[in-house]
C-alpha atoms as a PDB file:
ATOM      1  CA  MET A   1       7.947  11.119 -10.662  1.00  0.00           C
ATOM      2  CA  LYS A   2       8.595   9.231 -13.886  1.00  0.00           C
ATOM      3  CA  GLN A   3       6.794  10.382 -16.976  1.00  0.00           C
ATOM      4  CA  LYS A   4       6.182   8.938 -20.407  1.00  0.00           C
ATOM      5  CA  ILE A   5       6.432  11.257 -23.405  1.00  0.00           C
ATOM      6  CA  VAL A   6       5.189  10.171 -26.832  1.00  0.00           C
ATOM      7  CA  ILE A   7       6.335  12.265 -29.810  1.00  0.00           C
ATOM      8  CA  LYS A   8       5.281  11.738 -33.435  1.00  0.00           C
ATOM      9  CA  VAL A   9       8.274  12.053 -35.781  1.00  0.00           C
ATOM     10  CA  PRO A  10       8.333  11.125 -39.498  1.00  0.00           C
ATOM     11  CA  MET A  11      10.924   8.336 -39.664  1.00  0.00           C
ATOM     12  CA  GLN A  12      11.245   6.590 -43.028  1.00  0.00           C
ATOM     13  CA  SER A  13      14.251   4.328 -42.503  1.00  0.00           C
ATOM     14  CA  ASP A  14      16.116   2.552 -39.747  1.00  0.00           C
ATOM     15  CA  LYS A  15      18.788   5.236 -39.933  1.00  0.00           C
ATOM     16  CA  ASP A  16      16.204   7.915 -39.098  1.00  0.00           C
ATOM     17  CA  LYS A  17      14.958   5.829 -36.179  1.00  0.00           C
ATOM     18  CA  SER A  18      18.443   5.421 -34.754  1.00  0.00           C
ATOM     19  CA  LYS A  19      19.129   9.175 -35.092  1.00  0.00           C
ATOM     20  CA  ALA A  20      15.889  10.013 -33.305  1.00  0.00           C
ATOM     21  CA  MET A  21      16.777   7.607 -30.513  1.00  0.00           C
ATOM     22  CA  GLN A  22      20.286   9.124 -30.215  1.00  0.00           C
ATOM     23  CA  ILE A  23      18.794  12.606 -29.860  1.00  0.00           C
ATOM     24  CA  ALA A  24      16.352  11.410 -27.196  1.00  0.00           C
ATOM     25  CA  VAL A  25      19.026   9.549 -25.224  1.00  0.00           C
ATOM     26  CA  THR A  26      21.220  12.651 -24.930  1.00  0.00           C
ATOM     27  CA  MET A  27      18.491  14.531 -23.021  1.00  0.00           C
ATOM     28  CA  GLN A  28      18.933  14.860 -19.271  1.00  0.00           C
ATOM     29  CA  GLY A  29      16.823  12.516 -17.118  1.00  0.00           C
ATOM     30  CA  VAL A  30      15.942   9.970 -19.836  1.00  0.00           C
ATOM     31  CA  SER A  31      15.949   6.380 -18.591  1.00  0.00           C
ATOM     32  CA  SER A  32      14.570   4.518 -21.653  1.00  0.00           C
ATOM     33  CA  VAL A  33      13.683   5.206 -25.290  1.00  0.00           C
ATOM     34  CA  SER A  34      11.677   3.025 -27.665  1.00  0.00           C
ATOM     35  CA  ILE A  35       9.953   3.198 -31.020  1.00  0.00           C
ATOM     36  CA  GLY A  36       6.160   2.915 -30.912  1.00  0.00           C
ATOM     37  CA  LYS A  37       4.057   0.235 -32.577  1.00  0.00           C
ATOM     38  CA  GLU A  38       3.199   2.439 -35.559  1.00  0.00           C
ATOM     39  CA  GLY A  39       6.885   3.110 -36.235  1.00  0.00           C
ATOM     40  CA  ASP A  40       6.510   6.879 -36.463  1.00  0.00           C
ATOM     41  CA  ARG A  41       6.332   7.560 -32.731  1.00  0.00           C
ATOM     42  CA  ILE A  42       9.121   7.664 -30.211  1.00  0.00           C
ATOM     43  CA  GLU A  43       8.366   6.889 -26.553  1.00  0.00           C
ATOM     44  CA  VAL A  44      10.646   8.411 -23.924  1.00  0.00           C
ATOM     45  CA  ILE A  45      10.472   7.437 -20.248  1.00  0.00           C
ATOM     46  CA  GLY A  46      12.383   9.410 -17.669  1.00  0.00           C
ATOM     47  CA  GLU A  47      12.328  11.612 -14.639  1.00  0.00           C
ATOM     48  CA  GLY A  48      12.397  15.388 -15.075  1.00  0.00           C
ATOM     49  CA  VAL A  49      12.584  15.310 -18.890  1.00  0.00           C
ATOM     50  CA  ASP A  50      11.649  18.558 -20.637  1.00  0.00           C
ATOM     51  CA  SER A  51       9.239  17.498 -23.385  1.00  0.00           C
ATOM     52  CA  VAL A  52       9.312  20.862 -25.189  1.00  0.00           C
ATOM     53  CA  CYS A  53      13.120  20.888 -25.344  1.00  0.00           C
ATOM     54  CA  LEU A  54      13.071  17.288 -26.622  1.00  0.00           C
ATOM     55  CA  ALA A  55      10.569  18.198 -29.363  1.00  0.00           C
ATOM     56  CA  LYS A  56      12.674  21.216 -30.397  1.00  0.00           C
ATOM     57  CA  SER A  57      15.829  19.138 -30.720  1.00  0.00           C
ATOM     58  CA  LEU A  58      13.945  16.540 -32.808  1.00  0.00           C
ATOM     59  CA  ARG A  59      12.568  19.330 -35.046  1.00  0.00           C
ATOM     60  CA  LYS A  60      16.114  20.489 -35.812  1.00  0.00           C
ATOM     61  CA  LYS A  61      16.852  17.105 -37.414  1.00  0.00           C
ATOM     62  CA  PHE A  62      13.468  16.030 -38.793  1.00  0.00           C
ATOM     63  CA  CYS A  63      11.717  19.412 -39.400  1.00  0.00           C
ATOM     64  CA  PHE A  64       8.575  18.018 -37.782  1.00  0.00           C
ATOM     65  CA  ALA A  65       7.929  16.653 -34.303  1.00  0.00           C
ATOM     66  CA  ASP A  66       4.565  16.716 -32.584  1.00  0.00           C
ATOM     67  CA  ILE A  67       4.031  15.937 -28.892  1.00  0.00           C
ATOM     68  CA  VAL A  68       1.255  13.340 -28.747  1.00  0.00           C
ATOM     69  CA  SER A  69       1.041  12.756 -24.995  1.00  0.00           C
ATOM     70  CA  VAL A  70       2.803  13.371 -21.718  1.00  0.00           C
ATOM     71  CA  GLY A  71       1.723  11.256 -18.779  1.00  0.00           C
ATOM     72  CA  GLU A  72       2.801   9.707 -15.536  1.00  0.00           C
ATOM     73  CA  VAL A  73       4.169   6.183 -15.537  1.00  0.00           C
ATOM     74  CA  LYS A  74       2.340   4.010 -13.050  1.00  0.00           C
ATOM     75  CA  PRO A  75       4.502   1.497 -11.207  1.00  0.00           C
ATOM     76  CA  VAL A  76       3.808  -2.119 -12.026  1.00  0.00           C
ATOM     77  CA  ASN A  77       2.841  -4.100  -8.952  1.00  0.00           C
ATOM     78  CA  PRO A  78       4.532  -7.476  -8.735  1.00  0.00           C
ATOM     79  CA  PRO A  79       2.124 -10.402  -8.609  1.00  0.00           C
ATOM     80  CA  GLN A  80       1.164 -11.394  -5.105  1.00  0.00           C
ATOM     81  CA  PRO A  81       2.438 -14.811  -4.069  1.00  0.00           C
ATOM     82  CA  THR A  82      -0.343 -17.280  -3.631  1.00  0.00           C
ATOM     83  CA  PRO A  83      -0.715 -18.672  -0.132  1.00  0.00           C
ATOM     84  CA  PRO A  84       0.124 -22.337   0.251  1.00  0.00           C
ATOM     85  CA  PHE A  85      -2.813 -24.644  -0.240  1.00  0.00           C
ATOM     86  CA  ASN A  86      -4.201 -25.986   3.004  1.00  0.00           C
ATOM     87  CA  TYR A  87      -4.868 -29.659   2.615  1.00  0.00           C
ATOM     88  CA  TYR A  88      -7.954 -31.053   4.289  1.00  0.00           C
ATOM     89  CA  TYR A  89      -7.389 -34.339   5.992  1.00  0.00           C
ATOM     90  CA  PRO A  90     -10.599 -36.141   6.931  1.00  0.00           C
ATOM     91  CA  PRO A  91     -10.842 -37.318  10.517  1.00  0.00           C
ATOM     92  CA  PRO A  92      -9.693 -40.877  11.107  1.00  0.00           C
ATOM     93  CA  CYS A  93     -12.262 -43.631  11.078  1.00  0.00           C
ATOM     94  CA  PRO A  94     -13.582 -44.527  14.534  1.00  0.00           C
ATOM     95  CA  GLN A  95     -12.177 -47.692  16.033  1.00  0.00           C
ATOM     96  CA  TYR A  96     -14.908 -50.163  16.765  1.00  0.00           C
ATOM     97  CA  TYR A  97     -14.399 -52.835  19.411  1.00  0.00           C
ATOM     98  CA  ASN A  98     -15.148 -56.289  18.110  1.00  0.00           C
ATOM     99  CA  PRO A  99     -15.989 -58.383  21.158  1.00  0.00           C
ATOM    100  CA  CYS A 100     -15.003 -62.010  21.049  1.00  0.00           C
ATOM    101  CA  PRO A 101     -17.784 -64.415  21.853  1.00  0.00           C
ATOM    102  CA  VAL A 102     -17.676 -65.627  25.449  1.00  0.00           C
ATOM    103  CA  TYR A 103     -19.315 -68.929  26.114  1.00  0.00           C
ATOM    104  CA  ASP A 104     -21.262 -68.991  29.314  1.00  0.00           C
ATOM    105  CA  THR A 105     -21.414 -72.291  31.119  1.00  0.00           C
ATOM    106  CA  GLY A 106     -24.313 -71.137  33.232  1.00  0.00           C
ATOM    107  CA  SER A 107     -22.434 -71.002  36.525  1.00  0.00           C
ATOM    108  CA  PRO A 108     -20.797 -67.922  37.926  1.00  0.00           C
ATOM    109  CA  SER A 109     -17.038 -67.744  37.637  1.00  0.00           C
ATOM    110  CA  TRP A 110     -16.568 -67.289  41.414  1.00  0.00           C
ATOM    111  CA  PHE A 111     -18.240 -70.651  41.901  1.00  0.00           C
ATOM    112  CA  PHE A 112     -15.121 -72.558  40.781  1.00  0.00           C
ATOM    113  CA  MET A 113     -12.846 -71.003  43.312  1.00  0.00           C
END
C-alpha cells in the first residue's frame, strides 16, 4: 500500500530544499519526493516508509520537522475510452411506381388476334 507523507520543514533557500530532498530519497521504500506548494513542506510517496524515522532524520539537519499528514495514495483511474458513435442512417425513400399512360382504343387486345 502506497502512502503519502507530508512533513513541514523550515527551508529558506534552494540549498535547504535540495538537502531535505536528499535526506528523504535515502529512506527505504521512497518512490518520489516533491516540495509542496507553500515551499516549506516536503511530500514523500512510497511503500513501507517509516514517517517517524524520516522526521527524525530531517530534525537532525533542520532542528525542526513536523509531520502534517500521513495518508494512503489512491490509484488514479485512467479515463474510460468513449464508445464509437453510432450513426443513424434514415431509411431509404420508398420507390414509387410511375405508370405510363396507356391509351385505350376501346377494343380488347385479344380482338386483334
